[in-house]
């Protein structure tokens, strides 16, 4: 009794309520929340809890390919709904497992260019199959798959 509570979380969230809650949580509210409790001059170590917010109404889709050829159609690799997961990490690899592209808070900007690793022949990647790992940053399993890049 008489304790104080300090919650902190994603998006600048803070609360001094013992039983803190978010009304109408959104996927962007997902993440790690920490609480520190103080009572009678003693302060606890932070305790963390990972909150996952599932929203069945989100239109989320990872395409299997794109064609960054400058024609204005499918020139960027667009993951529909990715804006709902601001803590995401997106990584592209070649068939030898070399990292070619990496983005934290990916926002549909990959245009088929390598920004990482050895770039023999330049940064424009050739036609082919590439591999990705997408972590939404909300504590769920990562997505792994292939992307066909066609020029």
N, C-alpha and C. Protein backbone atom coordinates (compact mmCIF):
# COMPACT_ATOMS: atom_id res chain seq x y z
N UNK A 1 0.83 -1.19 0.00
CA UNK A 1 0.00 0.00 0.00
C UNK A 1 0.87 1.24 0.00
N UNK A 2 0.36 2.27 -0.62
CA UNK A 2 1.09 3.52 -0.66
C UNK A 2 2.22 3.51 -1.68
N UNK A 3 2.28 2.51 -2.55
CA UNK A 3 3.34 2.43 -3.54
C UNK A 3 3.10 3.38 -4.70
N UNK A 4 4.17 3.64 -5.44
CA UNK A 4 4.04 4.41 -6.67
C UNK A 4 4.47 3.51 -7.83
N UNK A 5 3.89 3.78 -8.98
CA UNK A 5 4.11 2.94 -10.15
C UNK A 5 4.56 3.81 -11.31
N UNK A 6 5.51 3.32 -12.06
CA UNK A 6 6.00 4.05 -13.23
C UNK A 6 6.07 3.09 -14.41
N UNK A 7 5.08 3.20 -15.30
CA UNK A 7 5.04 2.41 -16.52
C UNK A 7 5.64 3.24 -17.65
N UNK A 8 6.44 2.61 -18.51
CA UNK A 8 6.90 3.25 -19.74
C UNK A 8 6.77 2.23 -20.87
N UNK A 9 6.52 2.74 -22.07
CA UNK A 9 6.34 1.84 -23.20
C UNK A 9 6.52 2.55 -24.52
N UNK A 10 6.20 1.86 -25.61
CA UNK A 10 6.36 2.42 -26.96
C UNK A 10 5.58 3.72 -27.16
N UNK A 11 6.03 4.48 -28.11
CA UNK A 11 5.37 5.73 -28.52
C UNK A 11 5.27 6.74 -27.39
N UNK A 12 6.23 6.73 -26.47
CA UNK A 12 6.24 7.69 -25.37
C UNK A 12 5.22 7.40 -24.29
N UNK A 13 4.68 6.19 -24.26
CA UNK A 13 3.66 5.84 -23.27
C UNK A 13 4.25 5.90 -21.85
N UNK A 14 3.49 6.50 -20.94
CA UNK A 14 3.85 6.48 -19.52
C UNK A 14 2.56 6.54 -18.71
N UNK A 15 2.62 5.93 -17.53
CA UNK A 15 1.46 5.92 -16.64
C UNK A 15 1.94 5.71 -15.21
N UNK A 16 1.21 6.28 -14.28
CA UNK A 16 1.51 6.07 -12.86
C UNK A 16 0.43 5.23 -12.19
N UNK A 17 -0.45 4.63 -12.99
CA UNK A 17 -1.53 3.79 -12.47
C UNK A 17 -1.01 2.39 -12.18
N UNK A 18 -1.49 1.79 -11.10
CA UNK A 18 -1.08 0.43 -10.76
C UNK A 18 -1.49 -0.55 -11.86
N UNK A 19 -2.72 -0.45 -12.31
CA UNK A 19 -3.25 -1.33 -13.35
C UNK A 19 -3.47 -0.53 -14.63
N UNK A 20 -2.39 -0.15 -15.24
CA UNK A 20 -2.44 0.69 -16.43
C UNK A 20 -3.10 -0.05 -17.59
N UNK A 21 -3.80 0.70 -18.43
CA UNK A 21 -4.41 0.10 -19.62
C UNK A 21 -4.51 1.13 -20.72
N UNK A 22 -4.62 0.63 -21.94
CA UNK A 22 -4.78 1.49 -23.12
C UNK A 22 -6.13 1.18 -23.71
N UNK A 23 -6.96 2.19 -23.80
CA UNK A 23 -8.28 2.02 -24.41
C UNK A 23 -8.10 2.09 -25.92
N UNK A 24 -8.69 1.15 -26.63
CA UNK A 24 -8.62 1.08 -28.10
C UNK A 24 -7.17 0.97 -28.58
N UNK A 25 -6.46 -0.04 -28.12
CA UNK A 25 -5.08 -0.24 -28.52
C UNK A 25 -4.98 -0.48 -30.02
N UNK A 26 -3.92 0.03 -30.61
CA UNK A 26 -3.62 -0.12 -32.02
C UNK A 26 -2.36 -0.98 -32.15
N UNK A 27 -2.10 -1.56 -33.32
CA UNK A 27 -0.88 -2.35 -33.50
C UNK A 27 0.39 -1.57 -33.16
N UNK A 28 0.39 -0.26 -33.38
CA UNK A 28 1.58 0.53 -33.06
C UNK A 28 1.82 0.62 -31.55
N UNK A 29 0.81 0.25 -30.73
CA UNK A 29 0.98 0.23 -29.28
C UNK A 29 1.68 -1.03 -28.80
N UNK A 30 1.88 -1.99 -29.67
CA UNK A 30 2.54 -3.24 -29.30
C UNK A 30 4.01 -2.98 -28.98
N UNK A 31 4.56 -3.81 -28.13
CA UNK A 31 5.98 -3.69 -27.80
C UNK A 31 6.24 -4.05 -26.35
N UNK A 32 7.39 -3.65 -25.87
CA UNK A 32 7.81 -3.96 -24.51
C UNK A 32 7.45 -2.80 -23.59
N UNK A 33 6.73 -3.12 -22.51
CA UNK A 33 6.37 -2.14 -21.48
C UNK A 33 7.11 -2.52 -20.21
N UNK A 34 7.60 -1.52 -19.50
CA UNK A 34 8.34 -1.75 -18.25
C UNK A 34 7.63 -1.04 -17.11
N UNK A 35 7.70 -1.65 -15.93
CA UNK A 35 7.14 -1.03 -14.73
C UNK A 35 8.19 -1.06 -13.63
N UNK A 36 8.25 0.03 -12.88
CA UNK A 36 9.08 0.12 -11.69
C UNK A 36 8.15 0.51 -10.54
N UNK A 37 8.22 -0.24 -9.44
CA UNK A 37 7.37 0.00 -8.28
C UNK A 37 8.24 0.50 -7.14
N UNK A 38 7.77 1.56 -6.48
CA UNK A 38 8.47 2.09 -5.31
C UNK A 38 7.51 2.10 -4.13
N UNK A 39 8.01 1.64 -2.98
CA UNK A 39 7.20 1.67 -1.76
C UNK A 39 8.13 1.67 -0.55
N UNK A 40 7.77 2.44 0.43
CA UNK A 40 8.54 2.52 1.68
C UNK A 40 10.03 2.77 1.44
N UNK A 41 10.36 3.61 0.49
CA UNK A 41 11.75 3.95 0.23
C UNK A 41 12.51 2.94 -0.60
N UNK A 42 11.88 1.86 -1.01
CA UNK A 42 12.54 0.83 -1.83
C UNK A 42 11.99 0.90 -3.25
N UNK A 43 12.89 0.70 -4.22
CA UNK A 43 12.49 0.73 -5.62
C UNK A 43 12.84 -0.60 -6.26
N UNK A 44 11.89 -1.16 -6.97
CA UNK A 44 12.10 -2.45 -7.63
C UNK A 44 12.97 -2.31 -8.87
N UNK A 45 13.49 -3.43 -9.32
CA UNK A 45 14.12 -3.49 -10.63
C UNK A 45 13.00 -3.39 -11.66
N UNK A 46 13.28 -2.90 -12.85
CA UNK A 46 12.23 -2.87 -13.87
C UNK A 46 11.75 -4.28 -14.24
N UNK A 47 10.47 -4.43 -14.41
CA UNK A 47 9.88 -5.67 -14.91
C UNK A 47 9.30 -5.37 -16.28
N UNK A 48 9.60 -6.24 -17.24
CA UNK A 48 9.16 -6.03 -18.61
C UNK A 48 8.07 -7.01 -18.99
N UNK A 49 7.16 -6.54 -19.83
CA UNK A 49 6.14 -7.40 -20.40
C UNK A 49 5.98 -7.00 -21.87
N UNK A 50 5.88 -8.02 -22.73
CA UNK A 50 5.69 -7.76 -24.15
C UNK A 50 4.21 -7.84 -24.47
N UNK A 51 3.70 -6.79 -25.07
CA UNK A 51 2.29 -6.70 -25.42
C UNK A 51 2.15 -6.86 -26.93
N UNK A 52 1.29 -7.78 -27.34
CA UNK A 52 0.99 -8.00 -28.75
C UNK A 52 -0.43 -7.52 -28.99
N UNK A 53 -0.60 -6.71 -30.01
CA UNK A 53 -1.93 -6.20 -30.35
C UNK A 53 -2.30 -6.80 -31.70
N UNK A 54 -3.27 -7.67 -31.70
CA UNK A 54 -3.77 -8.26 -32.93
C UNK A 54 -4.96 -7.46 -33.42
N UNK A 55 -4.92 -7.09 -34.66
CA UNK A 55 -6.02 -6.35 -35.25
C UNK A 55 -6.39 -7.05 -36.54
N UNK A 56 -7.47 -7.78 -36.50
CA UNK A 56 -7.89 -8.57 -37.66
C UNK A 56 -8.28 -7.72 -38.85
N UNK A 57 -8.44 -6.44 -38.64
CA UNK A 57 -8.87 -5.57 -39.73
C UNK A 57 -7.70 -5.04 -40.56
N UNK A 58 -6.47 -5.32 -40.15
CA UNK A 58 -5.32 -4.82 -40.88
C UNK A 58 -5.17 -5.60 -42.18
N UNK A 59 -5.03 -4.88 -43.26
CA UNK A 59 -4.80 -5.47 -44.57
C UNK A 59 -3.29 -5.59 -44.73
N UNK A 60 -2.75 -6.79 -44.50
CA UNK A 60 -1.31 -7.02 -44.52
C UNK A 60 -0.99 -8.05 -45.59
N UNK A 61 -0.04 -7.72 -46.47
CA UNK A 61 0.29 -8.62 -47.55
C UNK A 61 1.74 -8.40 -47.98
N UNK A 62 2.50 -9.50 -48.10
CA UNK A 62 3.87 -9.46 -48.59
C UNK A 62 3.86 -10.05 -50.00
N UNK A 63 4.17 -9.25 -51.02
CA UNK A 63 4.16 -9.78 -52.39
C UNK A 63 5.32 -10.73 -52.64
N UNK A 64 5.21 -11.52 -53.69
CA UNK A 64 6.27 -12.48 -54.03
C UNK A 64 7.27 -11.92 -55.01
N UNK A 65 7.01 -10.73 -55.54
CA UNK A 65 7.93 -10.15 -56.49
C UNK A 65 7.59 -8.72 -56.82
N UNK A 66 8.49 -8.09 -57.57
CA UNK A 66 8.28 -6.72 -58.05
C UNK A 66 9.21 -6.48 -59.22
N UNK A 67 9.02 -5.35 -59.91
CA UNK A 67 9.80 -5.08 -61.13
C UNK A 67 10.31 -3.64 -61.14
N UNK A 68 11.43 -3.40 -60.48
CA UNK A 68 11.98 -2.04 -60.45
C UNK A 68 12.69 -1.66 -61.75
N UNK A 69 11.88 -1.40 -62.79
CA UNK A 69 12.44 -1.11 -64.11
C UNK A 69 12.19 0.33 -64.56
N UNK A 70 11.67 1.16 -63.67
CA UNK A 70 11.47 2.57 -63.99
C UNK A 70 10.21 2.89 -64.74
N UNK A 71 9.29 1.93 -64.90
CA UNK A 71 8.05 2.21 -65.63
C UNK A 71 6.95 2.78 -64.76
N UNK A 72 7.23 2.96 -63.46
CA UNK A 72 6.23 3.53 -62.55
C UNK A 72 5.25 2.52 -62.00
N UNK A 73 5.38 1.25 -62.37
CA UNK A 73 4.49 0.19 -61.89
C UNK A 73 5.34 -0.83 -61.14
N UNK A 74 5.04 -1.04 -59.89
CA UNK A 74 5.77 -2.00 -59.04
C UNK A 74 7.27 -1.73 -59.00
N UNK A 75 7.67 -0.47 -59.01
CA UNK A 75 9.09 -0.13 -58.96
C UNK A 75 9.67 -0.23 -57.55
N UNK A 76 8.81 -0.26 -56.54
CA UNK A 76 9.24 -0.42 -55.16
C UNK A 76 8.62 -1.69 -54.59
N UNK A 77 9.32 -2.32 -53.66
CA UNK A 77 8.78 -3.50 -52.99
C UNK A 77 7.86 -3.01 -51.88
N UNK A 78 6.55 -3.15 -52.10
CA UNK A 78 5.54 -2.60 -51.19
C UNK A 78 4.89 -3.72 -50.39
N UNK A 79 5.07 -3.66 -49.08
CA UNK A 79 4.40 -4.58 -48.16
C UNK A 79 3.16 -3.84 -47.64
N UNK A 80 2.01 -4.29 -48.08
CA UNK A 80 0.77 -3.64 -47.70
C UNK A 80 0.54 -3.81 -46.20
N UNK A 81 0.33 -2.70 -45.50
CA UNK A 81 0.04 -2.71 -44.07
C UNK A 81 1.27 -2.57 -43.18
N UNK A 82 2.47 -2.48 -43.75
CA UNK A 82 3.69 -2.41 -42.94
C UNK A 82 3.71 -1.17 -42.04
N UNK A 83 3.00 -0.12 -42.43
CA UNK A 83 2.99 1.11 -41.62
C UNK A 83 2.36 0.89 -40.25
N UNK A 84 1.65 -0.21 -40.08
CA UNK A 84 1.06 -0.52 -38.77
C UNK A 84 2.06 -1.16 -37.81
N UNK A 85 3.28 -1.38 -38.27
CA UNK A 85 4.31 -2.02 -37.46
C UNK A 85 5.59 -1.19 -37.49
N UNK A 86 5.61 -0.06 -36.81
CA UNK A 86 6.75 0.86 -36.90
C UNK A 86 8.05 0.34 -36.32
N UNK A 87 8.03 -0.76 -35.60
CA UNK A 87 9.25 -1.32 -35.02
C UNK A 87 9.77 -2.50 -35.84
N UNK A 88 9.34 -2.60 -37.10
CA UNK A 88 9.74 -3.71 -37.95
C UNK A 88 11.20 -3.62 -38.37
N UNK A 89 11.74 -4.78 -38.75
CA UNK A 89 13.07 -4.87 -39.34
C UNK A 89 12.94 -5.76 -40.58
N UNK A 90 13.46 -5.28 -41.69
CA UNK A 90 13.34 -5.97 -42.97
C UNK A 90 14.74 -6.15 -43.55
N UNK A 91 15.09 -7.40 -43.89
CA UNK A 91 16.43 -7.70 -44.41
C UNK A 91 16.30 -8.55 -45.67
N UNK A 92 17.10 -8.20 -46.69
CA UNK A 92 17.15 -8.94 -47.96
C UNK A 92 18.53 -9.59 -48.08
N UNK A 93 18.53 -10.87 -48.53
CA UNK A 93 19.76 -11.62 -48.72
C UNK A 93 19.81 -12.18 -50.14
N UNK A 94 21.02 -12.45 -50.62
CA UNK A 94 21.14 -13.17 -51.89
C UNK A 94 21.19 -14.67 -51.60
N UNK A 95 21.37 -15.47 -52.64
CA UNK A 95 21.32 -16.92 -52.48
C UNK A 95 22.49 -17.48 -51.68
N UNK A 96 23.52 -16.68 -51.45
CA UNK A 96 24.66 -17.11 -50.64
C UNK A 96 24.54 -16.63 -49.19
N UNK A 97 23.42 -16.01 -48.87
CA UNK A 97 23.19 -15.55 -47.51
C UNK A 97 23.82 -14.21 -47.18
N UNK A 98 24.30 -13.52 -48.19
CA UNK A 98 24.90 -12.21 -47.97
C UNK A 98 23.81 -11.15 -47.85
N UNK A 99 23.92 -10.31 -46.85
CA UNK A 99 22.94 -9.25 -46.62
C UNK A 99 23.14 -8.16 -47.68
N UNK A 100 22.05 -7.84 -48.39
CA UNK A 100 22.10 -6.84 -49.45
C UNK A 100 21.38 -5.55 -49.10
N UNK A 101 20.37 -5.66 -48.26
CA UNK A 101 19.55 -4.50 -47.88
C UNK A 101 19.02 -4.75 -46.48
N UNK A 102 18.97 -3.69 -45.69
CA UNK A 102 18.41 -3.81 -44.35
C UNK A 102 17.77 -2.48 -43.97
N UNK A 103 16.59 -2.57 -43.36
CA UNK A 103 15.90 -1.36 -42.91
C UNK A 103 15.19 -1.62 -41.60
N UNK A 104 15.33 -0.68 -40.70
CA UNK A 104 14.52 -0.69 -39.48
C UNK A 104 13.40 0.30 -39.77
N UNK A 105 12.18 -0.05 -39.38
CA UNK A 105 10.98 0.72 -39.74
C UNK A 105 10.90 0.85 -41.26
N UNK A 106 10.94 -0.30 -41.93
CA UNK A 106 10.83 -0.33 -43.38
C UNK A 106 9.53 0.34 -43.81
N UNK A 107 9.63 1.23 -44.78
CA UNK A 107 8.44 1.95 -45.23
C UNK A 107 8.29 1.93 -46.75
N UNK A 108 8.46 0.72 -47.30
CA UNK A 108 8.19 0.47 -48.72
C UNK A 108 9.08 1.28 -49.66
N UNK A 109 10.37 1.30 -49.38
CA UNK A 109 11.29 2.09 -50.19
C UNK A 109 12.32 1.27 -50.96
N UNK A 110 12.33 -0.06 -50.80
CA UNK A 110 13.36 -0.84 -51.49
C UNK A 110 13.08 -0.86 -52.99
N UNK A 111 14.09 -0.45 -53.75
CA UNK A 111 13.95 -0.34 -55.20
C UNK A 111 14.84 -1.33 -55.95
N UNK A 112 15.23 -2.41 -55.28
CA UNK A 112 16.03 -3.43 -55.94
C UNK A 112 17.51 -3.12 -56.00
N UNK A 113 17.96 -2.21 -55.14
CA UNK A 113 19.38 -1.87 -55.08
C UNK A 113 19.99 -2.44 -53.81
N UNK A 114 21.24 -2.85 -53.91
CA UNK A 114 21.98 -3.31 -52.74
C UNK A 114 22.51 -2.09 -52.00
N UNK A 115 22.35 -2.08 -50.70
CA UNK A 115 22.92 -1.02 -49.88
C UNK A 115 23.91 -1.57 -48.87
N UNK A 116 24.08 -2.89 -48.88
CA UNK A 116 24.99 -3.58 -47.96
C UNK A 116 25.82 -4.58 -48.75
N UNK A 117 26.94 -4.99 -48.16
CA UNK A 117 27.73 -6.07 -48.72
C UNK A 117 28.54 -5.70 -49.95
N UNK A 118 29.21 -6.69 -50.49
CA UNK A 118 30.03 -6.54 -51.68
C UNK A 118 29.12 -6.34 -52.89
N UNK A 119 29.37 -5.31 -53.68
CA UNK A 119 28.50 -4.98 -54.81
C UNK A 119 29.26 -5.04 -56.13
N UNK A 120 29.56 -6.24 -56.56
CA UNK A 120 30.26 -6.43 -57.82
C UNK A 120 29.29 -6.07 -58.94
N UNK A 121 29.69 -5.19 -59.82
CA UNK A 121 28.83 -4.78 -60.92
C UNK A 121 27.89 -3.65 -60.54
N UNK A 122 28.03 -3.06 -59.36
CA UNK A 122 27.19 -1.93 -58.96
C UNK A 122 26.13 -2.31 -57.97
N UNK A 123 25.33 -1.34 -57.63
CA UNK A 123 24.31 -1.56 -56.59
C UNK A 123 22.98 -2.06 -57.14
N UNK A 124 22.76 -1.97 -58.45
CA UNK A 124 21.51 -2.45 -59.03
C UNK A 124 21.57 -3.97 -59.12
N UNK A 125 20.67 -4.62 -58.42
CA UNK A 125 20.67 -6.08 -58.38
C UNK A 125 20.09 -6.67 -59.66
N UNK A 126 20.64 -7.79 -60.11
CA UNK A 126 20.14 -8.41 -61.33
C UNK A 126 18.82 -9.16 -61.09
N UNK A 127 18.18 -9.51 -62.18
CA UNK A 127 16.98 -10.34 -62.12
C UNK A 127 17.32 -11.61 -61.33
N UNK A 128 16.40 -12.01 -60.48
CA UNK A 128 16.64 -13.23 -59.73
C UNK A 128 15.78 -13.33 -58.49
N UNK A 129 16.00 -14.40 -57.76
CA UNK A 129 15.27 -14.65 -56.52
C UNK A 129 16.13 -14.24 -55.35
N UNK A 130 15.53 -13.50 -54.44
CA UNK A 130 16.20 -13.02 -53.23
C UNK A 130 15.39 -13.50 -52.02
N UNK A 131 16.01 -13.48 -50.90
CA UNK A 131 15.39 -14.00 -49.68
C UNK A 131 15.21 -12.87 -48.68
N UNK A 132 14.14 -12.94 -47.90
CA UNK A 132 13.90 -11.88 -46.91
C UNK A 132 13.56 -12.47 -45.56
N UNK A 133 13.80 -11.65 -44.54
CA UNK A 133 13.33 -11.89 -43.18
C UNK A 133 12.67 -10.60 -42.74
N UNK A 134 11.44 -10.70 -42.29
CA UNK A 134 10.69 -9.54 -41.81
C UNK A 134 10.26 -9.82 -40.38
N UNK A 135 10.75 -9.00 -39.45
CA UNK A 135 10.33 -9.06 -38.05
C UNK A 135 9.46 -7.84 -37.82
N UNK A 136 8.21 -8.06 -37.46
CA UNK A 136 7.28 -6.94 -37.25
C UNK A 136 7.58 -6.16 -35.98
N UNK A 137 8.42 -6.70 -35.11
CA UNK A 137 8.80 -5.99 -33.91
C UNK A 137 7.75 -5.99 -32.82
N UNK A 138 6.85 -6.98 -32.87
CA UNK A 138 5.77 -7.04 -31.86
C UNK A 138 5.79 -8.36 -31.10
N UNK A 139 6.89 -9.10 -31.21
CA UNK A 139 7.01 -10.35 -30.47
C UNK A 139 6.40 -11.57 -31.14
N UNK A 140 5.94 -11.44 -32.36
CA UNK A 140 5.40 -12.58 -33.10
C UNK A 140 6.51 -13.24 -33.90
N UNK A 141 6.22 -14.40 -34.48
CA UNK A 141 7.20 -15.08 -35.33
C UNK A 141 7.58 -14.17 -36.50
N UNK A 142 8.82 -14.34 -36.98
CA UNK A 142 9.26 -13.57 -38.14
C UNK A 142 8.72 -14.20 -39.41
N UNK A 143 8.60 -13.38 -40.44
CA UNK A 143 8.22 -13.85 -41.77
C UNK A 143 9.50 -14.10 -42.55
N UNK A 144 9.56 -15.23 -43.25
CA UNK A 144 10.69 -15.57 -44.11
C UNK A 144 10.14 -16.00 -45.45
N UNK A 145 10.81 -15.58 -46.52
CA UNK A 145 10.34 -15.99 -47.82
C UNK A 145 11.25 -15.53 -48.93
N UNK A 146 10.73 -15.62 -50.16
CA UNK A 146 11.50 -15.23 -51.34
C UNK A 146 10.80 -14.09 -52.07
N UNK A 147 11.60 -13.33 -52.78
CA UNK A 147 11.12 -12.23 -53.61
C UNK A 147 11.75 -12.41 -54.98
N UNK A 148 10.92 -12.40 -56.01
CA UNK A 148 11.46 -12.46 -57.37
C UNK A 148 11.58 -11.03 -57.88
N UNK A 149 12.80 -10.63 -58.22
CA UNK A 149 13.07 -9.31 -58.74
C UNK A 149 13.18 -9.43 -60.26
N UNK A 150 12.33 -8.73 -60.99
CA UNK A 150 12.32 -8.77 -62.46
C UNK A 150 12.51 -7.36 -62.98
N UNK A 151 13.39 -7.19 -63.89
CA UNK A 151 13.67 -5.84 -64.44
C UNK A 151 12.98 -5.64 -65.77
